Amino acid sequence: MIIGTVIGQVWSTQKDASLEGLRFLVVRPFTTDGRESAETIIAVDPLGAGVGERVLIVAGRAARHVIGRGHEIGFQTAVAAIIDGMELEDGRMVGPSSEFDS
């Protein structure tokens, strides 16, 4: 599982038939050192997360379960939760977006 921040959306008119009707988000992984990650992940979003929100991303079988289309889907990552907040080992509170971090 990966925690990340939604930074955009992806639209595609030409795609595998198993992906019809699905919404795709661009997610930047969260780092505990406060630096922005150079990596991005594309994830199916069945929950309706918005740009700026923190999300929990799952992969593989867990993602196919969240998407709800079984093993016949051609995708490996999905948004499993929209995060309201979390507390790190050092006591820092991390909010639903960077504006709520302390």
PDB file of N, CA and C in Angstrom:
ATOM      1  N   MET A   1       0.836  -1.173   0.000  1.00  0.00           N
ATOM      2  CA  MET A   1       0.000   0.000   0.000  1.00  0.00           C
ATOM      3  C   MET A   1       0.880   1.235   0.000  1.00  0.00           C
ATOM      4  N   ILE A   2       0.380   2.267  -0.642  1.00  0.00           N
ATOM      5  CA  ILE A   2       1.104   3.529  -0.751  1.00  0.00           C
ATOM      6  C   ILE A   2       0.161   4.665  -0.390  1.00  0.00           C
ATOM      7  N   ILE A   3       0.672   5.625   0.359  1.00  0.00           N
ATOM      8  CA  ILE A   3      -0.079   6.845   0.625  1.00  0.00           C
ATOM      9  C   ILE A   3       0.426   7.897  -0.345  1.00  0.00           C
ATOM     10  N   GLY A   4      -0.493   8.647  -0.935  1.00  0.00           N
ATOM     11  CA  GLY A   4      -0.087   9.671  -1.879  1.00  0.00           C
ATOM     12  C   GLY A   4      -1.079  10.801  -1.938  1.00  0.00           C
ATOM     13  N   THR A   5      -0.719  11.838  -2.692  1.00  0.00           N
ATOM     14  CA  THR A   5      -1.566  13.004  -2.897  1.00  0.00           C
ATOM     15  C   THR A   5      -1.986  13.052  -4.352  1.00  0.00           C
ATOM     16  N   VAL A   6      -3.271  13.252  -4.587  1.00  0.00           N
ATOM     17  CA  VAL A   6      -3.784  13.354  -5.950  1.00  0.00           C
ATOM     18  C   VAL A   6      -3.302  14.676  -6.547  1.00  0.00           C
ATOM     19  N   ILE A   7      -2.628  14.593  -7.703  1.00  0.00           N
ATOM     20  CA  ILE A   7      -2.117  15.803  -8.347  1.00  0.00           C
ATOM     21  C   ILE A   7      -2.726  16.033  -9.736  1.00  0.00           C
ATOM     22  N   GLY A   8      -3.600  15.135 -10.183  1.00  0.00           N
ATOM     23  CA  GLY A   8      -4.213  15.330 -11.498  1.00  0.00           C
ATOM     24  C   GLY A   8      -5.085  14.156 -11.910  1.00  0.00           C
ATOM     25  N   GLN A   9      -5.607  14.272 -13.115  1.00  0.00           N
ATOM     26  CA  GLN A   9      -6.467  13.238 -13.690  1.00  0.00           C
ATOM     27  C   GLN A   9      -5.932  12.836 -15.053  1.00  0.00           C
ATOM     28  N   VAL A  10      -6.341  11.662 -15.516  1.00  0.00           N
ATOM     29  CA  VAL A  10      -5.962  11.165 -16.839  1.00  0.00           C
ATOM     30  C   VAL A  10      -7.244  10.851 -17.599  1.00  0.00           C
ATOM     31  N   TRP A  11      -7.322  11.312 -18.843  1.00  0.00           N
ATOM     32  CA  TRP A  11      -8.451  10.971 -19.707  1.00  0.00           C
ATOM     33  C   TRP A  11      -7.919  10.164 -20.881  1.00  0.00           C
ATOM     34  N   SER A  12      -8.719   9.189 -21.309  1.00  0.00           N
ATOM     35  CA  SER A  12      -8.312   8.359 -22.434  1.00  0.00           C
ATOM     36  C   SER A  12      -9.545   7.889 -23.191  1.00  0.00           C
ATOM     37  N   THR A  13      -9.596   8.206 -24.479  1.00  0.00           N
ATOM     38  CA  THR A  13     -10.718   7.740 -25.285  1.00  0.00           C
ATOM     39  C   THR A  13     -10.450   6.362 -25.880  1.00  0.00           C
ATOM     40  N   GLN A  14      -9.182   6.021 -26.077  1.00  0.00           N
ATOM     41  CA  GLN A  14      -8.800   4.716 -26.599  1.00  0.00           C
ATOM     42  C   GLN A  14      -8.180   3.914 -25.461  1.00  0.00           C
ATOM     43  N   LYS A  15      -8.855   2.845 -25.038  1.00  0.00           N
ATOM     44  CA  LYS A  15      -8.340   2.021 -23.945  1.00  0.00           C
ATOM     45  C   LYS A  15      -8.912   0.616 -24.035  1.00  0.00           C
ATOM     46  N   ASP A  16      -8.339  -0.285 -23.272  1.00  0.00           N
ATOM     47  CA  ASP A  16      -8.822  -1.648 -23.194  1.00  0.00           C
ATOM     48  C   ASP A  16     -10.281  -1.632 -22.740  1.00  0.00           C
ATOM     49  N   ALA A  17     -11.082  -2.516 -23.299  1.00  0.00           N
ATOM     50  CA  ALA A  17     -12.514  -2.560 -22.982  1.00  0.00           C
ATOM     51  C   ALA A  17     -12.786  -2.764 -21.491  1.00  0.00           C
ATOM     52  N   SER A  18     -11.881  -3.451 -20.774  1.00  0.00           N
ATOM     53  CA  SER A  18     -12.089  -3.688 -19.337  1.00  0.00           C
ATOM     54  C   SER A  18     -11.967  -2.403 -18.512  1.00  0.00           C
ATOM     55  N   LEU A  19     -11.452  -1.333 -19.116  1.00  0.00           N
ATOM     56  CA  LEU A  19     -11.260  -0.070 -18.406  1.00  0.00           C
ATOM     57  C   LEU A  19     -12.343   0.958 -18.696  1.00  0.00           C
ATOM     58  N   GLU A  20     -13.318   0.600 -19.518  1.00  0.00           N
ATOM     59  CA  GLU A  20     -14.408   1.524 -19.846  1.00  0.00           C
ATOM     60  C   GLU A  20     -15.138   1.971 -18.587  1.00  0.00           C
ATOM     61  N   GLY A  21     -15.414   3.258 -18.497  1.00  0.00           N
ATOM     62  CA  GLY A  21     -16.188   3.799 -17.386  1.00  0.00           C
ATOM     63  C   GLY A  21     -15.397   4.045 -16.113  1.00  0.00           C
ATOM     64  N   LEU A  22     -14.092   3.810 -16.131  1.00  0.00           N
ATOM     65  CA  LEU A  22     -13.280   4.009 -14.940  1.00  0.00           C
ATOM     66  C   LEU A  22     -12.589   5.371 -14.976  1.00  0.00           C
ATOM     67  N   ARG A  23     -12.412   5.953 -13.802  1.00  0.00           N
ATOM     68  CA  ARG A  23     -11.756   7.252 -13.648  1.00  0.00           C
ATOM     69  C   ARG A  23     -10.314   7.005 -13.206  1.00  0.00           C
ATOM     70  N   PHE A  24      -9.352   7.721 -13.820  1.00  0.00           N
ATOM     71  CA  PHE A  24      -7.937   7.562 -13.509  1.00  0.00           C
ATOM     72  C   PHE A  24      -7.374   8.829 -12.873  1.00  0.00           C
ATOM     73  N   LEU A  25      -6.571   8.658 -11.829  1.00  0.00           N
ATOM     74  CA  LEU A  25      -5.933   9.783 -11.158  1.00  0.00           C
ATOM     75  C   LEU A  25      -4.419   9.664 -11.233  1.00  0.00           C
ATOM     76  N   VAL A  26      -3.751  10.816 -11.214  1.00  0.00           N
ATOM     77  CA  VAL A  26      -2.298  10.871 -11.084  1.00  0.00           C
ATOM     78  C   VAL A  26      -2.026  11.133  -9.605  1.00  0.00           C
ATOM     79  N   VAL A  27      -1.250  10.255  -8.977  1.00  0.00           N
ATOM     80  CA  VAL A  27      -0.980  10.341  -7.539  1.00  0.00           C
ATOM     81  C   VAL A  27       0.524  10.418  -7.307  1.00  0.00           C
ATOM     82  N   ARG A  28       0.941  11.373  -6.470  1.00  0.00           N
ATOM     83  CA  ARG A  28       2.351  11.500  -6.083  1.00  0.00           C
ATOM     84  C   ARG A  28       2.519  10.866  -4.708  1.00  0.00           C
ATOM     85  N   PRO A  29       3.413   9.886  -4.566  1.00  0.00           N
ATOM     86  CA  PRO A  29       3.621   9.242  -3.262  1.00  0.00           C
ATOM     87  C   PRO A  29       4.025  10.239  -2.175  1.00  0.00           C
ATOM     88  N   PHE A  30       3.532  10.005  -0.965  1.00  0.00           N
ATOM     89  CA  PHE A  30       3.850  10.810   0.216  1.00  0.00           C
ATOM     90  C   PHE A  30       5.216  10.398   0.737  1.00  0.00           C
ATOM     91  N   THR A  31       6.026  11.362   1.135  1.00  0.00           N
ATOM     92  CA  THR A  31       7.325  11.072   1.741  1.00  0.00           C
ATOM     93  C   THR A  31       7.353  11.655   3.151  1.00  0.00           C
ATOM     94  N   THR A  32       7.964  10.948   4.068  1.00  0.00           N
ATOM     95  CA  THR A  32       7.993  11.412   5.462  1.00  0.00           C
ATOM     96  C   THR A  32       9.027  12.503   5.696  1.00  0.00           C
ATOM     97  N   ASP A  33       9.965  12.694   4.742  1.00  0.00           N
ATOM     98  CA  ASP A  33      10.972  13.741   4.932  1.00  0.00           C
ATOM     99  C   ASP A  33      10.511  15.096   4.408  1.00  0.00           C
ATOM    100  N   GLY A  34       9.297  15.151   3.857  1.00  0.00           N
ATOM    101  CA  GLY A  34       8.748  16.418   3.383  1.00  0.00           C
ATOM    102  C   GLY A  34       9.133  16.801   1.973  1.00  0.00           C
ATOM    103  N   ARG A  35      10.036  16.056   1.360  1.00  0.00           N
ATOM    104  CA  ARG A  35      10.430  16.346  -0.023  1.00  0.00           C
ATOM    105  C   ARG A  35       9.392  15.782  -0.981  1.00  0.00           C
ATOM    106  N   GLU A  36       9.197  16.479  -2.104  1.00  0.00           N
ATOM    107  CA  GLU A  36       8.279  15.963  -3.117  1.00  0.00           C
ATOM    108  C   GLU A  36       8.926  14.798  -3.840  1.00  0.00           C
ATOM    109  N   SER A  37       8.170  13.741  -4.018  1.00  0.00           N
ATOM    110  CA  SER A  37       8.649  12.596  -4.781  1.00  0.00           C
ATOM    111  C   SER A  37       8.637  12.944  -6.264  1.00  0.00           C
ATOM    112  N   ALA A  38       9.618  12.440  -7.000  1.00  0.00           N
ATOM    113  CA  ALA A  38       9.651  12.633  -8.449  1.00  0.00           C
ATOM    114  C   ALA A  38       8.770  11.605  -9.158  1.00  0.00           C
ATOM    115  N   GLU A  39       8.343  10.594  -8.418  1.00  0.00           N
ATOM    116  CA  GLU A  39       7.535   9.514  -8.980  1.00  0.00           C
ATOM    117  C   GLU A  39       6.058   9.894  -9.012  1.00  0.00           C
ATOM    118  N   THR A  40       5.328   9.287  -9.921  1.00  0.00           N
ATOM    119  CA  THR A  40       3.867   9.379  -9.933  1.00  0.00           C
ATOM    120  C   THR A  40       3.297   7.998 -10.209  1.00  0.00           C
ATOM    121  N   ILE A  41       2.054   7.812  -9.782  1.00  0.00           N
ATOM    122  CA  ILE A  41       1.332   6.565  -9.974  1.00  0.00           C
ATOM    123  C   ILE A  41       0.011   6.912 -10.628  1.00  0.00           C
ATOM    124  N   ILE A  42      -0.428   6.098 -11.567  1.00  0.00           N
ATOM    125  CA  ILE A  42      -1.773   6.247 -12.120  1.00  0.00           C
ATOM    126  C   ILE A  42      -2.628   5.177 -11.453  1.00  0.00           C
ATOM    127  N   ALA A  43      -3.752   5.605 -10.869  1.00  0.00           N
ATOM    128  CA  ALA A  43      -4.611   4.668 -10.144  1.00  0.00           C
ATOM    129  C   ALA A  43      -6.068   4.863 -10.546  1.00  0.00           C
ATOM    130  N   VAL A  44      -6.807   3.763 -10.625  1.00  0.00           N
ATOM    131  CA  VAL A  44      -8.250   3.825 -10.837  1.00  0.00           C
ATOM    132  C   VAL A  44      -8.878   4.376  -9.556  1.00  0.00           C
ATOM    133  N   ASP A  45      -9.875   5.260  -9.706  1.00  0.00           N
ATOM    134  CA  ASP A  45     -10.506   5.887  -8.544  1.00  0.00           C
ATOM    135  C   ASP A  45     -12.003   5.596  -8.501  1.00  0.00           C
ATOM    136  N   PRO A  46     -12.415   4.566  -7.755  1.00  0.00           N
ATOM    137  CA  PRO A  46     -13.847   4.289  -7.624  1.00  0.00           C
ATOM    138  C   PRO A  46     -14.528   5.119  -6.536  1.00  0.00           C
ATOM    139  N   LEU A  47     -13.746   5.932  -5.790  1.00  0.00           N
ATOM    140  CA  LEU A  47     -14.292   6.646  -4.631  1.00  0.00           C
ATOM    141  C   LEU A  47     -14.594   8.122  -4.870  1.00  0.00           C
ATOM    142  N   GLY A  48     -14.011   8.729  -5.886  1.00  0.00           N
ATOM    143  CA  GLY A  48     -14.265  10.145  -6.160  1.00  0.00           C
ATOM    144  C   GLY A  48     -13.324  11.102  -5.462  1.00  0.00           C
ATOM    145  N   ALA A  49     -12.059  10.730  -5.304  1.00  0.00           N
ATOM    146  CA  ALA A  49     -11.068  11.622  -4.684  1.00  0.00           C
ATOM    147  C   ALA A  49     -10.813  12.819  -5.589  1.00  0.00           C
ATOM    148  N   GLY A  50     -10.461  13.933  -4.962  1.00  0.00           N
ATOM    149  CA  GLY A  50     -10.186  15.150  -5.720  1.00  0.00           C
ATOM    150  C   GLY A  50      -8.727  15.542  -5.665  1.00  0.00           C
ATOM    151  N   VAL A  51      -8.341  16.448  -6.544  1.00  0.00           N
ATOM    152  CA  VAL A  51      -6.978  16.949  -6.576  1.00  0.00           C
ATOM    153  C   VAL A  51      -6.657  17.583  -5.227  1.00  0.00           C
ATOM    154  N   GLY A  52      -5.484  17.251  -4.686  1.00  0.00           N
ATOM    155  CA  GLY A  52      -5.045  17.760  -3.398  1.00  0.00           C
ATOM    156  C   GLY A  52      -5.329  16.829  -2.237  1.00  0.00           C
ATOM    157  N   GLU A  53      -6.207  15.849  -2.417  1.00  0.00           N
ATOM    158  CA  GLU A  53      -6.537  14.930  -1.329  1.00  0.00           C
ATOM    159  C   GLU A  53      -5.500  13.823  -1.212  1.00  0.00           C
ATOM    160  N   ARG A  54      -5.310  13.371   0.030  1.00  0.00           N
ATOM    161  CA  ARG A  54      -4.429  12.235   0.280  1.00  0.00           C
ATOM    162  C   ARG A  54      -5.243  10.954   0.168  1.00  0.00           C
ATOM    163  N   VAL A  55      -4.634   9.947  -0.456  1.00  0.00           N
ATOM    164  CA  VAL A  55      -5.335   8.691  -0.697  1.00  0.00           C
ATOM    165  C   VAL A  55      -4.443   7.505  -0.366  1.00  0.00           C
ATOM    166  N   LEU A  56      -5.071   6.359  -0.135  1.00  0.00           N
ATOM    167  CA  LEU A  56      -4.378   5.096   0.073  1.00  0.00           C
ATOM    168  C   LEU A  56      -4.505   4.298  -1.218  1.00  0.00           C
ATOM    169  N   ILE A  57      -3.378   3.936  -1.803  1.00  0.00           N
ATOM    170  CA  ILE A  57      -3.345   3.199  -3.067  1.00  0.00           C
ATOM    171  C   ILE A  57      -2.999   1.735  -2.777  1.00  0.00           C
ATOM    172  N   VAL A  58      -3.752   0.820  -3.366  1.00  0.00           N
ATOM    173  CA  VAL A  58      -3.443  -0.604  -3.281  1.00  0.00           C
ATOM    174  C   VAL A  58      -3.097  -1.119  -4.673  1.00  0.00           C
ATOM    175  N   ALA A  59      -2.405  -2.247  -4.718  1.00  0.00           N
ATOM    176  CA  ALA A  59      -1.948  -2.790  -6.001  1.00  0.00           C
ATOM    177  C   ALA A  59      -2.305  -4.265  -6.133  1.00  0.00           C
ATOM    178  N   GLY A  60      -2.234  -4.749  -7.366  1.00  0.00           N
ATOM    179  CA  GLY A  60      -2.433  -6.164  -7.643  1.00  0.00           C
ATOM    180  C   GLY A  60      -3.842  -6.641  -7.347  1.00  0.00           C
ATOM    181  N   ARG A  61      -3.921  -7.786  -6.691  1.00  0.00           N
ATOM    182  CA  ARG A  61      -5.216  -8.410  -6.383  1.00  0.00           C
ATOM    183  C   ARG A  61      -6.111  -7.480  -5.563  1.00  0.00           C
ATOM    184  N   ALA A  62      -5.518  -6.779  -4.598  1.00  0.00           N
ATOM    185  CA  ALA A  62      -6.294  -5.843  -3.774  1.00  0.00           C
ATOM    186  C   ALA A  62      -6.912  -4.748  -4.641  1.00  0.00           C
ATOM    187  N   ALA A  63      -6.169  -4.259  -5.618  1.00  0.00           N
ATOM    188  CA  ALA A  63      -6.690  -3.227  -6.515  1.00  0.00           C
ATOM    189  C   ALA A  63      -7.838  -3.766  -7.363  1.00  0.00           C
ATOM    190  N   ARG A  64      -7.684  -4.961  -7.888  1.00  0.00           N
ATOM    191  CA  ARG A  64      -8.754  -5.546  -8.700  1.00  0.00           C
ATOM    192  C   ARG A  64     -10.014  -5.744  -7.856  1.00  0.00           C
ATOM    193  N   HIS A  65      -9.849  -6.089  -6.587  1.00  0.00           N
ATOM    194  CA  HIS A  65     -10.993  -6.234  -5.679  1.00  0.00           C
ATOM    195  C   HIS A  65     -11.678  -4.876  -5.462  1.00  0.00           C
ATOM    196  N   VAL A  66     -10.899  -3.835  -5.224  1.00  0.00           N
ATOM    197  CA  VAL A  66     -11.448  -2.489  -5.007  1.00  0.00           C
ATOM    198  C   VAL A  66     -12.182  -1.999  -6.259  1.00  0.00           C
ATOM    199  N   ILE A  67     -11.608  -2.260  -7.419  1.00  0.00           N
ATOM    200  CA  ILE A  67     -12.232  -1.826  -8.674  1.00  0.00           C
ATOM    201  C   ILE A  67     -13.526  -2.595  -8.911  1.00  0.00           C
ATOM    202  N   GLY A  68     -13.574  -3.846  -8.470  1.00  0.00           N
ATOM    203  CA  GLY A  68     -14.801  -4.627  -8.542  1.00  0.00           C
ATOM    204  C   GLY A  68     -15.082  -5.308  -9.863  1.00  0.00           C
ATOM    205  N   ARG A  69     -14.044  -5.557 -10.637  1.00  0.00           N
ATOM    206  CA  ARG A  69     -14.247  -6.218 -11.929  1.00  0.00           C
ATOM    207  C   ARG A  69     -13.492  -7.529 -12.041  1.00  0.00           C
ATOM    208  N   GLY A  70     -13.066  -8.084 -10.933  1.00  0.00           N
ATOM    209  CA  GLY A  70     -12.393  -9.379 -10.941  1.00  0.00           C
ATOM    210  C   GLY A  70     -11.045  -9.357 -11.621  1.00  0.00           C
ATOM    211  N   HIS A  71     -10.592 -10.538 -12.024  1.00  0.00           N
ATOM    212  CA  HIS A  71      -9.264 -10.688 -12.612  1.00  0.00           C
ATOM    213  C   HIS A  71      -9.219 -10.324 -14.090  1.00  0.00           C
ATOM    214  N   GLU A  72     -10.346  -9.984 -14.659  1.00  0.00           N
ATOM    215  CA  GLU A  72     -10.392  -9.692 -16.096  1.00  0.00           C
ATOM    216  C   GLU A  72     -10.059  -8.248 -16.428  1.00  0.00           C
ATOM    217  N   ILE A  73      -9.639  -7.466 -15.438  1.00  0.00           N
ATOM    218  CA  ILE A  73      -9.344  -6.055 -15.683  1.00  0.00           C
ATOM    219  C   ILE A  73      -7.857  -5.852 -15.936  1.00  0.00           C
ATOM    220  N   GLY A  74      -7.543  -4.963 -16.848  1.00  0.00           N
ATOM    221  CA  GLY A  74      -6.154  -4.687 -17.203  1.00  0.00           C
ATOM    222  C   GLY A  74      -5.564  -3.542 -16.412  1.00  0.00           C
ATOM    223  N   PHE A  75      -5.685  -3.570 -15.082  1.00  0.00           N
ATOM    224  CA  PHE A  75      -5.139  -2.482 -14.267  1.00  0.00           C
ATOM    225  C   PHE A  75      -4.691  -3.027 -12.925  1.00  0.00           C
ATOM    226  N   GLN A  76      -3.649  -2.445 -12.352  1.00  0.00           N
ATOM    227  CA  GLN A  76      -3.040  -3.000 -11.136  1.00  0.00           C
ATOM    228  C   GLN A  76      -3.027  -2.077  -9.924  1.00  0.00           C
ATOM    229  N   THR A  77      -3.512  -0.836 -10.025  1.00  0.00           N
ATOM    230  CA  THR A  77      -3.514   0.079  -8.875  1.00  0.00           C
ATOM    231  C   THR A  77      -4.867   0.762  -8.751  1.00  0.00           C
ATOM    232  N   ALA A  78      -5.297   1.004  -7.490  1.00  0.00           N
ATOM    233  CA  ALA A  78      -6.593   1.639  -7.260  1.00  0.00           C
ATOM    234  C   ALA A  78      -6.591   2.404  -5.939  1.00  0.00           C
ATOM    235  N   VAL A  79      -7.436   3.430  -5.874  1.00  0.00           N
ATOM    236  CA  VAL A  79      -7.646   4.184  -4.644  1.00  0.00           C
ATOM    237  C   VAL A  79      -8.576   3.355  -3.753  1.00  0.00           C
ATOM    238  N   ALA A  80      -8.077   2.967  -2.567  1.00  0.00           N
ATOM    239  CA  ALA A  80      -8.867   2.166  -1.641  1.00  0.00           C
ATOM    240  C   ALA A  80      -9.472   3.014  -0.527  1.00  0.00           C
ATOM    241  N   ALA A  81      -8.915   4.211  -0.286  1.00  0.00           N
ATOM    242  CA  ALA A  81      -9.419   5.078   0.782  1.00  0.00           C
ATOM    243  C   ALA A  81      -8.983   6.515   0.538  1.00  0.00           C
ATOM    244  N   ILE A  82      -9.810   7.445   0.977  1.00  0.00           N
ATOM    245  CA  ILE A  82      -9.452   8.861   1.026  1.00  0.00           C
ATOM    246  C   ILE A  82      -9.097   9.133   2.486  1.00  0.00           C
ATOM    247  N   ILE A  83      -7.900   9.604   2.732  1.00  0.00           N
ATOM    248  CA  ILE A  83      -7.367   9.722   4.088  1.00  0.00           C
ATOM    249  C   ILE A  83      -7.854  10.998   4.772  1.00  0.00           C
ATOM    250  N   ASP A  84      -8.368  10.847   5.992  1.00  0.00           N
ATOM    251  CA  ASP A  84      -8.785  11.994   6.811  1.00  0.00           C
ATOM    252  C   ASP A  84      -7.624  12.528   7.636  1.00  0.00           C
ATOM    253  N   GLY A  85      -6.697  11.669   8.018  1.00  0.00           N
ATOM    254  CA  GLY A  85      -5.541  12.084   8.803  1.00  0.00           C
ATOM    255  C   GLY A  85      -4.743  10.886   9.245  1.00  0.00           C
ATOM    256  N   MET A  86      -3.515  11.137   9.675  1.00  0.00           N
ATOM    257  CA  MET A  86      -2.669  10.076  10.208  1.00  0.00           C
ATOM    258  C   MET A  86      -1.631  10.696  11.130  1.00  0.00           C
ATOM    259  N   GLU A  87      -1.122   9.867  12.034  1.00  0.00           N
ATOM    260  CA  GLU A  87      -0.081  10.300  12.955  1.00  0.00           C
ATOM    261  C   GLU A  87       1.158   9.461  12.711  1.00  0.00           C
ATOM    262  N   LEU A  88       2.296  10.136  12.564  1.00  0.00           N
ATOM    263  CA  LEU A  88       3.552   9.442  12.313  1.00  0.00           C
ATOM    264  C   LEU A  88       4.257   9.117  13.621  1.00  0.00           C
ATOM    265  N   GLU A  89       5.248   8.252  13.543  1.00  0.00           N
ATOM    266  CA  GLU A  89       5.983   7.787  14.709  1.00  0.00           C
ATOM    267  C   GLU A  89       6.560   8.932  15.536  1.00  0.00           C
ATOM    268  N   ASP A  90       6.992  10.001  14.869  1.00  0.00           N
ATOM    269  CA  ASP A  90       7.594  11.134  15.588  1.00  0.00           C
ATOM    270  C   ASP A  90       6.561  12.087  16.173  1.00  0.00           C
ATOM    271  N   GLY A  91       5.272  11.724  16.064  1.00  0.00           N
ATOM    272  CA  GLY A  91       4.206  12.543  16.633  1.00  0.00           C
ATOM    273  C   GLY A  91       3.604  13.554  15.673  1.00  0.00           C
ATOM    274  N   ARG A  92       4.185  13.694  14.484  1.00  0.00           N
ATOM    275  CA  ARG A  92       3.625  14.630  13.502  1.00  0.00           C
ATOM    276  C   ARG A  92       2.255  14.163  13.053  1.00  0.00           C
ATOM    277  N   MET A  93       1.354  15.117  12.912  1.00  0.00           N
ATOM    278  CA  MET A  93       0.023  14.837  12.396  1.00  0.00           C
ATOM    279  C   MET A  93       0.006  15.203  10.920  1.00  0.00           C
ATOM    280  N   VAL A  94      -0.506  14.304  10.098  1.00  0.00           N
ATOM    281  CA  VAL A  94      -0.603  14.511   8.659  1.00  0.00           C
ATOM    282  C   VAL A  94      -2.082  14.545   8.314  1.00  0.00           C
ATOM    283  N   GLY A  95      -2.497  15.618   7.668  1.00  0.00           N
ATOM    284  CA  GLY A  95      -3.906  15.808   7.379  1.00  0.00           C
ATOM    285  C   GLY A  95      -4.320  15.271   6.023  1.00  0.00           C
ATOM    286  N   PRO A  96      -5.566  15.552   5.642  1.00  0.00           N
ATOM    287  CA  PRO A  96      -6.105  15.060   4.389  1.00  0.00           C
ATOM    288  C   PRO A  96      -5.473  15.723   3.167  1.00  0.00           C
ATOM    289  N   SER A  97      -4.744  16.827   3.376  1.00  0.00           N
ATOM    290  CA  SER A  97      -3.961  17.486   2.322  1.00  0.00           C
ATOM    291  C   SER A  97      -2.824  18.218   3.012  1.00  0.00           C
ATOM    292  N   SER A  98      -1.858  18.703   2.260  1.00  0.00           N
ATOM    293  CA  SER A  98      -0.675  19.311   2.869  1.00  0.00           C
ATOM    294  C   SER A  98      -1.002  20.562   3.675  1.00  0.00           C
ATOM    295  N   GLU A  99      -2.098  21.233   3.399  1.00  0.00           N
ATOM    296  CA  GLU A  99      -2.444  22.440   4.143  1.00  0.00           C
ATOM    297  C   GLU A  99      -2.852  22.134   5.593  1.00  0.00           C
ATOM    298  N   PHE A 100      -3.127  20.883   5.922  1.00  0.00           N
ATOM    299  CA  PHE A 100      -3.540  20.502   7.269  1.00  0.00           C
ATOM    300  C   PHE A 100      -2.435  19.816   8.065  1.00  0.00           C
ATOM    301  N   ASP A 101      -1.230  19.695   7.507  1.00  0.00           N
ATOM    302  CA  ASP A 101      -0.132  19.030   8.206  1.00  0.00           C
ATOM    303  C   ASP A 101       0.389  19.902   9.340  1.00  0.00           C
ATOM    304  N   SER A 102       0.875  19.223  10.384  1.00  0.00           N
ATOM    305  CA  SER A 102       1.508  19.972  11.494  1.00  0.00           C
ATOM    306  C   SER A 102       2.855  19.380  11.841  1.00  0.00           C
TER     307      SER A 102
END
